[in-house]
Amino acid sequence: MSYHGNELAFHLRKALDMGVTQDEIITHLTCYSGWPTASSALSFVREVFQQEEDV
């Protein structure tokens, strides 16, 4: 996951910009990438969600 973090953050921001909800993002991560990968991605997800709330 470490070498895809910048890509994930980019795609998370684009999804949020297009109206995808945070709950939908979490659901898609767990269903389509699998729980272990989604769990690894949570630090990036939390960071992006926090940045979006601060804007």
C-alpha atoms as a PDB file:
ATOM      1  CA  MET A   1       0.000   0.000   0.000  1.00  0.00           C
ATOM      2  CA  SER A   2       2.874   2.359   0.699  1.00  0.00           C
ATOM      3  CA  TYR A   3       3.675   3.105  -2.929  1.00  0.00           C
ATOM      4  CA  HIS A   4       0.035   3.765  -3.870  1.00  0.00           C
ATOM      5  CA  GLY A   5      -0.802   6.257  -1.137  1.00  0.00           C
ATOM      6  CA  ASN A   6      -0.465   9.331  -3.310  1.00  0.00           C
ATOM      7  CA  GLU A   7      -2.646   7.726  -5.980  1.00  0.00           C
ATOM      8  CA  LEU A   8      -5.290   6.697  -3.463  1.00  0.00           C
ATOM      9  CA  ALA A   9      -5.487  10.184  -1.969  1.00  0.00           C
ATOM     10  CA  PHE A  10      -5.935  11.665  -5.455  1.00  0.00           C
ATOM     11  CA  HIS A  11      -8.769   9.271  -6.297  1.00  0.00           C
ATOM     12  CA  LEU A  12     -10.445   9.745  -2.923  1.00  0.00           C
ATOM     13  CA  ARG A  13     -10.499  13.520  -3.411  1.00  0.00           C
ATOM     14  CA  LYS A  14     -11.896  13.166  -6.925  1.00  0.00           C
ATOM     15  CA  ALA A  15     -14.626  10.821  -5.694  1.00  0.00           C
ATOM     16  CA  LEU A  16     -15.594  13.267  -2.948  1.00  0.00           C
ATOM     17  CA  ASP A  17     -15.588  16.132  -5.476  1.00  0.00           C
ATOM     18  CA  MET A  18     -17.987  14.120  -7.651  1.00  0.00           C
ATOM     19  CA  GLY A  19     -20.416  13.625  -4.762  1.00  0.00           C
ATOM     20  CA  VAL A  20     -19.489  10.163  -3.551  1.00  0.00           C
ATOM     21  CA  THR A  21     -20.117  10.011   0.196  1.00  0.00           C
ATOM     22  CA  GLN A  22     -17.561   8.915   2.756  1.00  0.00           C
ATOM     23  CA  ASP A  23     -19.722   5.890   3.590  1.00  0.00           C
ATOM     24  CA  GLU A  24     -19.819   4.891  -0.079  1.00  0.00           C
ATOM     25  CA  ILE A  25     -16.039   5.161  -0.315  1.00  0.00           C
ATOM     26  CA  ILE A  26     -15.565   2.887   2.703  1.00  0.00           C
ATOM     27  CA  THR A  27     -18.095   0.405   1.313  1.00  0.00           C
ATOM     28  CA  HIS A  28     -16.366   0.286  -2.068  1.00  0.00           C
ATOM     29  CA  LEU A  29     -12.939  -0.111  -0.502  1.00  0.00           C
ATOM     30  CA  THR A  30     -14.028  -3.050   1.623  1.00  0.00           C
ATOM     31  CA  CYS A  31     -16.147  -4.765  -1.032  1.00  0.00           C
ATOM     32  CA  TYR A  32     -13.940  -4.307  -4.077  1.00  0.00           C
ATOM     33  CA  SER A  33     -10.414  -4.326  -2.659  1.00  0.00           C
ATOM     34  CA  GLY A  34     -11.038  -6.641   0.275  1.00  0.00           C
ATOM     35  CA  TRP A  35     -10.879  -5.984   3.984  1.00  0.00           C
ATOM     36  CA  PRO A  36      -7.081  -6.359   4.430  1.00  0.00           C
ATOM     37  CA  THR A  37      -6.357  -3.812   1.700  1.00  0.00           C
ATOM     38  CA  ALA A  38      -9.067  -1.461   2.941  1.00  0.00           C
ATOM     39  CA  SER A  39      -7.670  -1.715   6.442  1.00  0.00           C
ATOM     40  CA  SER A  40      -4.226  -0.759   5.138  1.00  0.00           C
ATOM     41  CA  ALA A  41      -5.739   2.203   3.295  1.00  0.00           C
ATOM     42  CA  LEU A  42      -7.544   3.634   6.336  1.00  0.00           C
ATOM     43  CA  SER A  43      -4.727   6.008   7.304  1.00  0.00           C
ATOM     44  CA  PHE A  44      -4.909   7.618   3.849  1.00  0.00           C
ATOM     45  CA  VAL A  45      -8.698   7.671   3.944  1.00  0.00           C
ATOM     46  CA  ARG A  46      -8.786   9.341   7.365  1.00  0.00           C
ATOM     47  CA  GLU A  47      -6.257  11.953   6.259  1.00  0.00           C
ATOM     48  CA  VAL A  48      -8.212  12.845   3.117  1.00  0.00           C
ATOM     49  CA  PHE A  49     -11.541  12.944   4.967  1.00  0.00           C
ATOM     50  CA  GLN A  50     -10.022  15.244   7.618  1.00  0.00           C
ATOM     51  CA  GLN A  51      -8.570  17.549   4.961  1.00  0.00           C
ATOM     52  CA  GLU A  52     -11.941  17.756   3.229  1.00  0.00           C
ATOM     53  CA  GLU A  53     -13.671  18.678   6.502  1.00  0.00           C
ATOM     54  CA  ASP A  54     -11.089  21.427   7.138  1.00  0.00           C
ATOM     55  CA  VAL A  55     -11.799  23.080   3.768  1.00  0.00           C
END
